[in-house]
Every structure is written in structure tokens, then in C-alpha cells.
Amino acid sequence: MAEVSPLWLRHTLYVGDLHPETAVADLEAAFSVIGPLDSFGIRRDAVCEKSLCYAFVNFSCISHASKALACLNHRTLRGKPMRIMWWQREPELRKSGIGNVFVKNLAPSVTSAQLESVFSKYGIILSCKVVEEKNGKSKCFGFVHFETQNSAISAISSLHGAVFEGKKLHVSPFKKKEERMMDAFNKEQKFTNLYVKNFGYNMTEDFLREKFSRYGKINSAVIMRDEEGNSRGFGFVNFDSDEDARKAIEALNGELIGSKKLFVGRAQKKAERERLLRINRDLHTFSMRDVLCV
């Protein structure tokens, strides 16, 4: 049975990747041929009124909105393909990373429309994009955001290593900037001590040891506790070898234990944590410069 998207209950479309000079008249001309519009507008910077290169289009009828998504997604407007998706009133789904897939080693000629065509057989796609330079040249990687995690898993399982347009695809779960930075740190040097957090207060050292010992010899497993002996929700596991520690991170980071998503990473010294925070602040500042006028 095909998946049925609850997002189809909404009438509003997000239209991204617009040319900076796209005007509201261009939007109206492109979308009104599908059906009557309730409202539409291009989002602009509040200070300098520079276009943020995305817009919202609200149809009077849900069937017209669905038709516009099907017919106009990736259609060129002012020389740039539009990226159209259902507007998500709540951003939690997008920010969570659930259902989001990272694809790299794409052929330079592959477009967002072609990428979506390849992945669409695995489930409903909320958004699909091949990342480009400012001059429109492909960076040879992209993202496919599925509505469900099961669709993402199916796509990764089927397409990782598949050859498309002469290139062997690398398809993997999307990772946030913080997770990518953590991976980079983990590759810098050998380590055996892991930091484990976000588990229930009823977690025991015996359970922690049993859970992690599946991946190699453990020297110690400690849960940090307060003065009354209650768990503080985090602890440390020390492996005998660097290789086993890495295997445990790969297998257990993000695993659900009860209702909580376990975090497992390399235990860091204070200087390393401060360096990571500085990098994160720099990334946030750089991101804001992209939004604000220069």
C-alpha cells in the first residue's frame, strides 16, 4: 500500500532556490496557471529587503497545490530550477534529521529532478536537492529528505554502491554539523574512552557493560552519580582497543533505549570541548552572514 502523506492536508507550498531577481509577478505567472491562489510572496531580509531566494504559495484548493507540486517542482523560473515542497508548519521534522539522506559522488550532470526520480520509488520525498556553487555548477553531492525513516533506510540499503550516470553512489544517513565535527575529531587520534549520555536514570553499570562488551573487551563502565547515589544520566566506558571503541560508537550512537536516543562519542578533555564550541560558534556566525546583507 502506498504511503499517504498527512502533509497533503495543507494548501501551502514552500518554493526554494529562486533566482535573486525573481519577482512576485513571476510567481503568480508560474503558479496561477494551475489554479486560484489565496496568497503568495517572496521572503526578504528585514533590514535591506534583499531576497532570501525562497517564497510561499498558498492555493485555495488542496488539489491545485498537489498538482503544482507534481508539475512545477524543478521547473525553471528565471533560469533556475525551483525546489518545491509542502510547507512544514512545525520545523521539528526537518531539524530532527529523521528520514534525511546524504548522497555524494554524483556525476556533475545530475540534476535535482534526476536525483528525485531515482529515489522516489522508495517513498514520499519532502525535499530533494543537488547542492550547487554560486555559478550553478554541481558540487556533486545532495540531500533527499523522506517523510519516513523506513523509506530512508530502504533507499540507503538499495542505492548505496549503485552506479548512476557512471558514478558509484555513496548513500548514507544525514548527519548534523555537530555530528560531522565529532566524527572529524574522532579520526584525529586514537582513543579508548567513550562518553555515554541520555540514558534513563534506572540504567545500571552491569547493563552498560553488557551492552558495550558486545563490541570488544571493556576495562571499565561507570555511571556518574550525585551525592545521594542517583544517576546523573551520563557515564563513561573504557575499551581495551581503539578499534573496538570505534565499533561501539558506530553501532550504538543514536540507538533507542526505551524512549531515549543514546549518545555515544569519544570522551573529550576540556580543551577539546572548548575548541569544538569555538568551531560551532564560527559556523553559526558564517551561516548568519549568508542570511544578512553584506
C-alpha atoms as a PDB file:
ATOM      1  CA  MET A   1       0.000   0.000   0.000  1.00  0.00           C
ATOM      2  CA  ALA A   2       1.349   3.422  -0.922  1.00  0.00           C
ATOM      3  CA  GLU A   3       2.212   5.879   1.825  1.00  0.00           C
ATOM      4  CA  VAL A   4      -0.343   8.649   2.415  1.00  0.00           C
ATOM      5  CA  SER A   5       1.178  11.956   3.487  1.00  0.00           C
ATOM      6  CA  PRO A   6      -0.586  13.951   6.225  1.00  0.00           C
ATOM      7  CA  LEU A   7       1.093  16.991   4.695  1.00  0.00           C
ATOM      8  CA  TRP A   8      -1.414  16.762   1.836  1.00  0.00           C
ATOM      9  CA  LEU A   9      -3.972  18.222   4.216  1.00  0.00           C
ATOM     10  CA  ARG A  10      -2.264  21.593   3.794  1.00  0.00           C
ATOM     11  CA  HIS A  11      -2.562  24.052   0.937  1.00  0.00           C
ATOM     12  CA  THR A  12       0.753  25.921   1.221  1.00  0.00           C
ATOM     13  CA  LEU A  13       3.898  25.226  -0.775  1.00  0.00           C
ATOM     14  CA  TYR A  14       7.448  26.261   0.014  1.00  0.00           C
ATOM     15  CA  VAL A  15       9.321  27.378  -3.117  1.00  0.00           C
ATOM     16  CA  GLY A  16      13.095  27.497  -2.741  1.00  0.00           C
ATOM     17  CA  ASP A  17      16.268  28.037  -4.789  1.00  0.00           C
ATOM     18  CA  LEU A  18      14.772  31.074  -6.503  1.00  0.00           C
ATOM     19  CA  HIS A  19      16.821  33.456  -8.616  1.00  0.00           C
ATOM     20  CA  PRO A  20      17.586  36.604  -6.545  1.00  0.00           C
ATOM     21  CA  GLU A  21      15.738  38.751  -9.082  1.00  0.00           C
ATOM     22  CA  THR A  22      12.558  36.659  -9.075  1.00  0.00           C
ATOM     23  CA  ALA A  23       9.535  38.933  -8.556  1.00  0.00           C
ATOM     24  CA  VAL A  24       6.078  38.201  -7.143  1.00  0.00           C
ATOM     25  CA  ALA A  25       4.722  38.648 -10.667  1.00  0.00           C
ATOM     26  CA  ASP A  26       6.923  35.750 -11.789  1.00  0.00           C
ATOM     27  CA  LEU A  27       5.491  33.568  -9.018  1.00  0.00           C
ATOM     28  CA  GLU A  28       1.927  34.488  -9.904  1.00  0.00           C
ATOM     29  CA  ALA A  29       2.501  33.782 -13.582  1.00  0.00           C
ATOM     30  CA  ALA A  30       4.052  30.384 -12.868  1.00  0.00           C
ATOM     31  CA  PHE A  31       1.558  29.107 -10.279  1.00  0.00           C
ATOM     32  CA  SER A  32      -1.767  30.717 -11.190  1.00  0.00           C
ATOM     33  CA  VAL A  33      -1.992  28.601 -14.356  1.00  0.00           C
ATOM     34  CA  ILE A  34      -2.565  25.622 -12.021  1.00  0.00           C
ATOM     35  CA  GLY A  35      -5.426  27.192 -10.066  1.00  0.00           C
ATOM     36  CA  PRO A  36      -6.594  30.181  -7.970  1.00  0.00           C
ATOM     37  CA  LEU A  37      -4.111  31.453  -5.395  1.00  0.00           C
ATOM     38  CA  ASP A  38      -5.026  32.613  -1.901  1.00  0.00           C
ATOM     39  CA  SER A  39      -1.716  34.325  -1.234  1.00  0.00           C
ATOM     40  CA  PHE A  40       1.906  34.285  -2.291  1.00  0.00           C
ATOM     41  CA  GLY A  41       5.061  36.197  -1.516  1.00  0.00           C
ATOM     42  CA  ILE A  42       8.852  36.182  -1.605  1.00  0.00           C
ATOM     43  CA  ARG A  43      10.622  36.330   1.748  1.00  0.00           C
ATOM     44  CA  ARG A  44      13.087  39.200   2.094  1.00  0.00           C
ATOM     45  CA  ASP A  45      15.658  40.321   4.639  1.00  0.00           C
ATOM     46  CA  ALA A  46      14.019  42.601   7.197  1.00  0.00           C
ATOM     47  CA  VAL A  47      16.899  45.106   7.123  1.00  0.00           C
ATOM     48  CA  CYS A  48      17.887  45.530   3.484  1.00  0.00           C
ATOM     49  CA  GLU A  49      14.919  43.830   1.773  1.00  0.00           C
ATOM     50  CA  LYS A  50      17.248  41.588  -0.220  1.00  0.00           C
ATOM     51  CA  SER A  51      15.519  38.443  -1.461  1.00  0.00           C
ATOM     52  CA  LEU A  52      16.199  35.346   0.648  1.00  0.00           C
ATOM     53  CA  CYS A  53      15.521  33.312  -2.507  1.00  0.00           C
ATOM     54  CA  TYR A  54      12.514  31.428  -1.205  1.00  0.00           C
ATOM     55  CA  ALA A  55       8.763  32.010  -1.203  1.00  0.00           C
ATOM     56  CA  PHE A  56       5.423  30.625  -0.049  1.00  0.00           C
ATOM     57  CA  VAL A  57       2.478  29.963  -2.345  1.00  0.00           C
ATOM     58  CA  ASN A  58      -0.941  29.263  -0.848  1.00  0.00           C
ATOM     59  CA  PHE A  59      -3.652  27.738  -3.055  1.00  0.00           C
ATOM     60  CA  SER A  60      -7.389  27.923  -2.492  1.00  0.00           C
ATOM     61  CA  CYS A  61      -7.750  24.211  -3.242  1.00  0.00           C
ATOM     62  CA  ILE A  62      -5.581  21.347  -1.980  1.00  0.00           C
ATOM     63  CA  SER A  63      -5.839  19.518  -5.305  1.00  0.00           C
ATOM     64  CA  HIS A  64      -4.330  22.521  -7.080  1.00  0.00           C
ATOM     65  CA  ALA A  65      -1.480  22.662  -4.578  1.00  0.00           C
ATOM     66  CA  SER A  66      -0.802  18.948  -5.150  1.00  0.00           C
ATOM     67  CA  LYS A  67      -0.861  19.457  -8.908  1.00  0.00           C
ATOM     68  CA  ALA A  68       1.540  22.404  -8.677  1.00  0.00           C
ATOM     69  CA  LEU A  69       3.966  20.307  -6.649  1.00  0.00           C
ATOM     70  CA  ALA A  70       3.788  17.488  -9.194  1.00  0.00           C
ATOM     71  CA  CYS A  71       4.036  19.693 -12.294  1.00  0.00           C
ATOM     72  CA  LEU A  72       6.266  22.599 -11.275  1.00  0.00           C
ATOM     73  CA  ASN A  73       8.855  21.060  -8.941  1.00  0.00           C
ATOM     74  CA  HIS A  74      12.300  21.570 -10.505  1.00  0.00           C
ATOM     75  CA  ARG A  75      10.727  23.660 -13.288  1.00  0.00           C
ATOM     76  CA  THR A  76      12.947  26.559 -14.346  1.00  0.00           C
ATOM     77  CA  LEU A  77      11.995  30.108 -13.325  1.00  0.00           C
ATOM     78  CA  ARG A  78      14.283  32.947 -14.396  1.00  0.00           C
ATOM     79  CA  GLY A  79      16.899  30.399 -15.355  1.00  0.00           C
ATOM     80  CA  LYS A  80      16.934  28.469 -12.045  1.00  0.00           C
ATOM     81  CA  PRO A  81      15.070  25.228 -11.205  1.00  0.00           C
ATOM     82  CA  MET A  82      12.595  25.740  -8.361  1.00  0.00           C
ATOM     83  CA  ARG A  83      12.656  23.386  -5.383  1.00  0.00           C
ATOM     84  CA  ILE A  84       9.057  22.955  -4.219  1.00  0.00           C
ATOM     85  CA  MET A  85       7.832  21.111  -1.139  1.00  0.00           C
ATOM     86  CA  TRP A  86       4.910  21.152   1.262  1.00  0.00           C
ATOM     87  CA  TRP A  87       5.348  23.849   3.854  1.00  0.00           C
ATOM     88  CA  GLN A  88       6.082  22.299   7.231  1.00  0.00           C
ATOM     89  CA  ARG A  89       4.393  24.496   9.797  1.00  0.00           C
ATOM     90  CA  GLU A  90       6.464  22.894  12.536  1.00  0.00           C
ATOM     91  CA  PRO A  91      10.192  22.563  11.700  1.00  0.00           C
ATOM     92  CA  GLU A  92      10.886  19.668  14.082  1.00  0.00           C
ATOM     93  CA  LEU A  93      10.730  17.031  11.328  1.00  0.00           C
ATOM     94  CA  ARG A  94      13.310  18.847   9.204  1.00  0.00           C
ATOM     95  CA  LYS A  95      15.612  19.650  12.130  1.00  0.00           C
ATOM     96  CA  SER A  96      15.473  16.141  13.576  1.00  0.00           C
ATOM     97  CA  GLY A  97      17.245  14.645  10.565  1.00  0.00           C
ATOM     98  CA  ILE A  98      14.772  11.736  10.548  1.00  0.00           C
ATOM     99  CA  GLY A  99      14.343  10.434   7.007  1.00  0.00           C
ATOM    100  CA  ASN A 100      17.141  12.632   5.672  1.00  0.00           C
ATOM    101  CA  VAL A 101      19.687  11.008   3.348  1.00  0.00           C
ATOM    102  CA  PHE A 102      23.071  12.304   2.193  1.00  0.00           C
ATOM    103  CA  VAL A 103      24.171  11.384  -1.331  1.00  0.00           C
ATOM    104  CA  LYS A 104      27.646  12.022  -2.721  1.00  0.00           C
ATOM    105  CA  ASN A 105      29.840  11.118  -5.695  1.00  0.00           C
ATOM    106  CA  LEU A 106      27.163  12.286  -8.112  1.00  0.00           C
ATOM    107  CA  ALA A 107      28.037  12.872 -11.746  1.00  0.00           C
ATOM    108  CA  PRO A 108      28.363  16.643 -12.435  1.00  0.00           C
ATOM    109  CA  SER A 109      25.463  16.449 -14.896  1.00  0.00           C
ATOM    110  CA  VAL A 110      22.936  15.039 -12.380  1.00  0.00           C
ATOM    111  CA  THR A 111      20.128  17.484 -11.551  1.00  0.00           C
ATOM    112  CA  SER A 112      17.809  17.656  -8.554  1.00  0.00           C
ATOM    113  CA  ALA A 113      14.977  16.359 -10.728  1.00  0.00           C
ATOM    114  CA  GLN A 114      17.014  13.312 -11.788  1.00  0.00           C
ATOM    115  CA  LEU A 115      18.046  12.631  -8.207  1.00  0.00           C
ATOM    116  CA  GLU A 116      14.422  12.768  -7.055  1.00  0.00           C
ATOM    117  CA  SER A 117      13.383  10.443  -9.871  1.00  0.00           C
ATOM    118  CA  VAL A 118      15.896   7.816  -8.724  1.00  0.00           C
ATOM    119  CA  PHE A 119      14.913   7.989  -5.040  1.00  0.00           C
ATOM    120  CA  SER A 120      11.147   8.488  -5.361  1.00  0.00           C
ATOM    121  CA  LYS A 121      10.426   4.760  -5.709  1.00  0.00           C
ATOM    122  CA  TYR A 122      11.380   4.279  -2.044  1.00  0.00           C
ATOM    123  CA  GLY A 123       8.776   6.605  -0.511  1.00  0.00           C
ATOM    124  CA  ILE A 124       7.296  10.084  -0.324  1.00  0.00           C
ATOM    125  CA  ILE A 125      10.002  12.734  -0.696  1.00  0.00           C
ATOM    126  CA  LEU A 126       9.629  16.001   1.208  1.00  0.00           C
ATOM    127  CA  SER A 127      12.627  17.689  -0.382  1.00  0.00           C
ATOM    128  CA  CYS A 128      15.405  16.806  -2.807  1.00  0.00           C
ATOM    129  CA  LYS A 129      18.372  18.935  -3.788  1.00  0.00           C
ATOM    130  CA  VAL A 130      21.726  18.689  -5.559  1.00  0.00           C
ATOM    131  CA  VAL A 131      23.953  21.317  -3.942  1.00  0.00           C
ATOM    132  CA  GLU A 132      25.454  23.839  -6.360  1.00  0.00           C
ATOM    133  CA  GLU A 133      28.125  26.526  -6.431  1.00  0.00           C
ATOM    134  CA  LYS A 134      27.000  30.137  -6.857  1.00  0.00           C
ATOM    135  CA  ASN A 135      27.662  29.795 -10.592  1.00  0.00           C
ATOM    136  CA  GLY A 136      25.260  26.846 -10.791  1.00  0.00           C
ATOM    137  CA  LYS A 137      27.964  24.168 -11.065  1.00  0.00           C
ATOM    138  CA  SER A 138      27.141  20.983  -9.161  1.00  0.00           C
ATOM    139  CA  LYS A 139      29.156  20.179  -6.041  1.00  0.00           C
ATOM    140  CA  CYS A 140      28.406  16.505  -6.802  1.00  0.00           C
ATOM    141  CA  PHE A 141      26.518  15.844  -3.585  1.00  0.00           C
ATOM    142  CA  GLY A 142      22.988  16.364  -2.380  1.00  0.00           C
ATOM    143  CA  PHE A 143      20.225  15.526   0.074  1.00  0.00           C
ATOM    144  CA  VAL A 144      16.981  13.576  -0.119  1.00  0.00           C
ATOM    145  CA  HIS A 145      14.526  14.048   2.739  1.00  0.00           C
ATOM    146  CA  PHE A 146      11.913  11.302   3.001  1.00  0.00           C
ATOM    147  CA  GLU A 147       8.725  11.558   5.017  1.00  0.00           C
ATOM    148  CA  THR A 148       9.559   8.385   6.970  1.00  0.00           C
ATOM    149  CA  GLN A 149      12.728   6.852   8.354  1.00  0.00           C
ATOM    150  CA  ASN A 150      11.774   3.472   6.857  1.00  0.00           C
ATOM    151  CA  SER A 151      11.855   4.998   3.355  1.00  0.00           C
ATOM    152  CA  ALA A 152      15.286   6.456   4.044  1.00  0.00           C
ATOM    153  CA  ILE A 153      16.616   3.117   5.294  1.00  0.00           C
ATOM    154  CA  SER A 154      15.229   1.349   2.231  1.00  0.00           C
ATOM    155  CA  ALA A 155      16.846   3.879  -0.119  1.00  0.00           C
ATOM    156  CA  ILE A 156      20.216   3.632   1.630  1.00  0.00           C
ATOM    157  CA  SER A 157      20.121  -0.162   1.556  1.00  0.00           C
ATOM    158  CA  SER A 158      19.193  -0.288  -2.134  1.00  0.00           C
ATOM    159  CA  LEU A 159      21.239   2.566  -3.610  1.00  0.00           C
ATOM    160  CA  HIS A 160      24.471   2.721  -1.619  1.00  0.00           C
ATOM    161  CA  GLY A 161      27.124   1.487  -4.036  1.00  0.00           C
ATOM    162  CA  ALA A 162      24.767   1.588  -7.028  1.00  0.00           C
ATOM    163  CA  VAL A 163      26.115   3.061 -10.259  1.00  0.00           C
ATOM    164  CA  PHE A 164      24.238   6.085 -11.617  1.00  0.00           C
ATOM    165  CA  GLU A 165      25.403   8.061 -14.649  1.00  0.00           C
ATOM    166  CA  GLY A 166      28.746   6.271 -14.497  1.00  0.00           C
ATOM    167  CA  LYS A 167      29.408   7.062 -10.817  1.00  0.00           C
ATOM    168  CA  LYS A 168      29.243   4.736  -7.814  1.00  0.00           C
ATOM    169  CA  LEU A 169      26.903   6.422  -5.322  1.00  0.00           C
ATOM    170  CA  HIS A 170      27.656   6.886  -1.656  1.00  0.00           C
ATOM    171  CA  VAL A 171      24.321   6.993   0.189  1.00  0.00           C
ATOM    172  CA  SER A 172      24.202   7.371   3.968  1.00  0.00           C
ATOM    173  CA  PRO A 173      22.114   8.892   6.780  1.00  0.00           C
ATOM    174  CA  PHE A 174      22.397  12.670   7.006  1.00  0.00           C
ATOM    175  CA  LYS A 175      24.498  13.949   9.913  1.00  0.00           C
ATOM    176  CA  LYS A 176      24.225  17.363  11.538  1.00  0.00           C
ATOM    177  CA  LYS A 177      27.233  19.693  11.618  1.00  0.00           C
ATOM    178  CA  GLU A 178      27.919  18.810  15.239  1.00  0.00           C
ATOM    179  CA  GLU A 179      27.968  15.091  14.430  1.00  0.00           C
ATOM    180  CA  ARG A 180      30.265  15.641  11.445  1.00  0.00           C
ATOM    181  CA  MET A 181      32.642  17.667  13.593  1.00  0.00           C
ATOM    182  CA  MET A 182      32.576  14.919  16.193  1.00  0.00           C
ATOM    183  CA  ASP A 183      33.488  12.366  13.523  1.00  0.00           C
ATOM    184  CA  ALA A 184      36.383  14.582  12.431  1.00  0.00           C
ATOM    185  CA  PHE A 185      37.638  14.814  15.997  1.00  0.00           C
ATOM    186  CA  ASN A 186      37.337  11.059  16.415  1.00  0.00           C
ATOM    187  CA  LYS A 187      39.573  10.477  13.386  1.00  0.00           C
ATOM    188  CA  GLU A 188      42.334  12.764  14.646  1.00  0.00           C
ATOM    189  CA  GLN A 189      43.822  10.398  17.201  1.00  0.00           C
ATOM    190  CA  LYS A 190      43.397   7.039  18.814  1.00  0.00           C
ATOM    191  CA  PHE A 191      41.093   6.737  21.810  1.00  0.00           C
ATOM    192  CA  THR A 192      39.542   4.095  24.031  1.00  0.00           C
ATOM    193  CA  ASN A 193      37.411   6.152  26.425  1.00  0.00           C
ATOM    194  CA  LEU A 194      33.788   6.815  25.437  1.00  0.00           C
ATOM    195  CA  TYR A 195      31.316   9.346  26.770  1.00  0.00           C
ATOM    196  CA  VAL A 196      27.773   7.985  27.030  1.00  0.00           C
ATOM    197  CA  LYS A 197      24.735  10.146  27.827  1.00  0.00           C
ATOM    198  CA  ASN A 198      20.967  10.490  27.519  1.00  0.00           C
ATOM    199  CA  PHE A 199      20.026   7.197  29.140  1.00  0.00           C
ATOM    200  CA  GLY A 200      17.385   6.586  31.776  1.00  0.00           C
ATOM    201  CA  TYR A 201      18.083   7.059  35.476  1.00  0.00           C
ATOM    202  CA  ASN A 202      17.472   3.356  36.047  1.00  0.00           C
ATOM    203  CA  MET A 203      20.479   2.407  33.904  1.00  0.00           C
ATOM    204  CA  THR A 204      22.991   0.194  35.756  1.00  0.00           C
ATOM    205  CA  GLU A 205      26.709  -0.352  35.268  1.00  0.00           C
ATOM    206  CA  ASP A 206      26.036  -4.033  34.622  1.00  0.00           C
ATOM    207  CA  PHE A 207      23.621  -3.234  31.799  1.00  0.00           C
ATOM    208  CA  LEU A 208      26.035  -0.661  30.359  1.00  0.00           C
ATOM    209  CA  ARG A 209      28.900  -3.136  30.497  1.00  0.00           C
ATOM    210  CA  GLU A 210      26.816  -5.896  28.881  1.00  0.00           C
ATOM    211  CA  LYS A 211      25.645  -3.533  26.129  1.00  0.00           C
ATOM    212  CA  PHE A 212      29.116  -2.316  25.177  1.00  0.00           C
ATOM    213  CA  SER A 213      31.069  -5.547  25.712  1.00  0.00           C
ATOM    214  CA  ARG A 214      29.467  -6.923  22.540  1.00  0.00           C
ATOM    215  CA  TYR A 215      31.967  -4.804  20.615  1.00  0.00           C
ATOM    216  CA  GLY A 216      35.174  -5.698  22.447  1.00  0.00           C
ATOM    217  CA  LYS A 217      36.980  -6.033  25.753  1.00  0.00           C
ATOM    218  CA  ILE A 218      35.948  -3.390  28.311  1.00  0.00           C
ATOM    219  CA  ASN A 219      38.207  -2.165  31.099  1.00  0.00           C
ATOM    220  CA  SER A 220      35.531  -0.199  32.946  1.00  0.00           C
ATOM    221  CA  ALA A 221      31.953   1.080  32.740  1.00  0.00           C
ATOM    222  CA  VAL A 222      30.974   3.894  35.105  1.00  0.00           C
ATOM    223  CA  ILE A 223      27.739   5.847  35.570  1.00  0.00           C
ATOM    224  CA  MET A 224      28.194   9.273  37.162  1.00  0.00           C
ATOM    225  CA  ARG A 225      26.045   9.789  40.255  1.00  0.00           C
ATOM    226  CA  ASP A 226      25.083  12.620  42.594  1.00  0.00           C
ATOM    227  CA  GLU A 227      25.765  12.765  46.334  1.00  0.00           C
ATOM    228  CA  GLU A 228      22.693  10.626  47.021  1.00  0.00           C
ATOM    229  CA  GLY A 229      23.799   7.924  44.582  1.00  0.00           C
ATOM    230  CA  ASN A 230      21.297   8.767  41.859  1.00  0.00           C
ATOM    231  CA  SER A 231      22.327   8.512  38.217  1.00  0.00           C
ATOM    232  CA  ARG A 232      23.079  11.857  36.518  1.00  0.00           C
ATOM    233  CA  GLY A 233      22.164  10.380  33.124  1.00  0.00           C
ATOM    234  CA  PHE A 234      25.686  10.027  31.728  1.00  0.00           C
ATOM    235  CA  GLY A 235      28.793   7.937  32.154  1.00  0.00           C
ATOM    236  CA  PHE A 236      31.981   6.539  30.616  1.00  0.00           C
ATOM    237  CA  VAL A 237      33.009   3.250  29.051  1.00  0.00           C
ATOM    238  CA  ASN A 238      36.673   2.436  28.573  1.00  0.00           C
ATOM    239  CA  PHE A 239      37.674  -0.130  25.932  1.00  0.00           C
ATOM    240  CA  ASP A 240      40.916  -2.049  25.649  1.00  0.00           C
ATOM    241  CA  SER A 241      41.416  -1.025  21.993  1.00  0.00           C
ATOM    242  CA  ASP A 242      40.740   1.968  19.761  1.00  0.00           C
ATOM    243  CA  GLU A 243      39.170  -0.238  17.083  1.00  0.00           C
ATOM    244  CA  ASP A 244      36.586  -1.679  19.487  1.00  0.00           C
ATOM    245  CA  ALA A 245      35.714   1.793  20.800  1.00  0.00           C
ATOM    246  CA  ARG A 246      35.037   2.998  17.274  1.00  0.00           C
ATOM    247  CA  LYS A 247      32.850  -0.018  16.547  1.00  0.00           C
ATOM    248  CA  ALA A 248      30.778   0.750  19.643  1.00  0.00           C
ATOM    249  CA  ILE A 249      30.245   4.361  18.534  1.00  0.00           C
ATOM    250  CA  GLU A 250      29.192   3.247  15.067  1.00  0.00           C
ATOM    251  CA  ALA A 251      26.735   0.689  16.438  1.00  0.00           C
ATOM    252  CA  LEU A 252      25.282   2.403  19.493  1.00  0.00           C
ATOM    253  CA  ASN A 253      25.269   6.162  18.866  1.00  0.00           C
ATOM    254  CA  GLY A 254      21.643   7.099  18.237  1.00  0.00           C
ATOM    255  CA  GLU A 255      20.214   3.763  19.375  1.00  0.00           C
ATOM    256  CA  LEU A 256      16.889   3.959  21.169  1.00  0.00           C
ATOM    257  CA  ILE A 257      16.845   2.637  24.728  1.00  0.00           C
ATOM    258  CA  GLY A 258      13.288   2.951  25.895  1.00  0.00           C
ATOM    259  CA  SER A 259      12.152   6.392  24.763  1.00  0.00           C
ATOM    260  CA  LYS A 260      15.632   7.928  24.796  1.00  0.00           C
ATOM    261  CA  LYS A 261      18.121   8.232  21.952  1.00  0.00           C
ATOM    262  CA  LEU A 262      21.547   7.225  23.237  1.00  0.00           C
ATOM    263  CA  PHE A 263      24.562   9.454  22.564  1.00  0.00           C
ATOM    264  CA  VAL A 264      27.938   7.699  22.336  1.00  0.00           C
ATOM    265  CA  GLY A 265      31.108   9.578  21.413  1.00  0.00           C
ATOM    266  CA  ARG A 266      34.763   9.968  22.204  1.00  0.00           C
ATOM    267  CA  ALA A 267      35.323  11.319  25.699  1.00  0.00           C
ATOM    268  CA  GLN A 268      36.952  14.718  25.302  1.00  0.00           C
ATOM    269  CA  LYS A 269      39.225  16.747  27.502  1.00  0.00           C
ATOM    270  CA  LYS A 270      38.172  20.264  28.456  1.00  0.00           C
ATOM    271  CA  ALA A 271      40.464  21.896  25.856  1.00  0.00           C
ATOM    272  CA  GLU A 272      38.931  19.777  23.069  1.00  0.00           C
ATOM    273  CA  ARG A 273      35.373  20.623  24.153  1.00  0.00           C
ATOM    274  CA  GLU A 274      36.212  24.331  24.133  1.00  0.00           C
ATOM    275  CA  ARG A 275      37.720  24.014  20.651  1.00  0.00           C
ATOM    276  CA  LEU A 276      34.556  22.301  19.401  1.00  0.00           C
ATOM    277  CA  LEU A 277      32.395  25.075  20.867  1.00  0.00           C
ATOM    278  CA  ARG A 278      34.521  27.709  19.119  1.00  0.00           C
ATOM    279  CA  ILE A 279      34.146  25.942  15.770  1.00  0.00           C
ATOM    280  CA  ASN A 280      30.397  25.652  16.310  1.00  0.00           C
ATOM    281  CA  ARG A 281      30.134  29.384  17.074  1.00  0.00           C
ATOM    282  CA  ASP A 282      32.143  30.196  13.939  1.00  0.00           C
ATOM    283  CA  LEU A 283      29.845  28.019  11.827  1.00  0.00           C
ATOM    284  CA  HIS A 284      26.782  29.769  13.258  1.00  0.00           C
ATOM    285  CA  THR A 285      28.290  33.206  12.540  1.00  0.00           C
ATOM    286  CA  PHE A 286      29.108  32.184   8.956  1.00  0.00           C
ATOM    287  CA  SER A 287      25.567  30.902   8.460  1.00  0.00           C
ATOM    288  CA  MET A 288      24.087  34.201   9.670  1.00  0.00           C
ATOM    289  CA  ARG A 289      26.263  36.139   7.209  1.00  0.00           C
ATOM    290  CA  ASP A 290      24.598  34.237   4.389  1.00  0.00           C
ATOM    291  CA  VAL A 291      21.189  35.491   5.558  1.00  0.00           C
ATOM    292  CA  LEU A 292      22.007  39.086   6.420  1.00  0.00           C
ATOM    293  CA  CYS A 293      23.048  41.720   3.900  1.00  0.00           C
ATOM    294  CA  VAL A 294      26.757  42.248   3.474  1.00  0.00           C
END
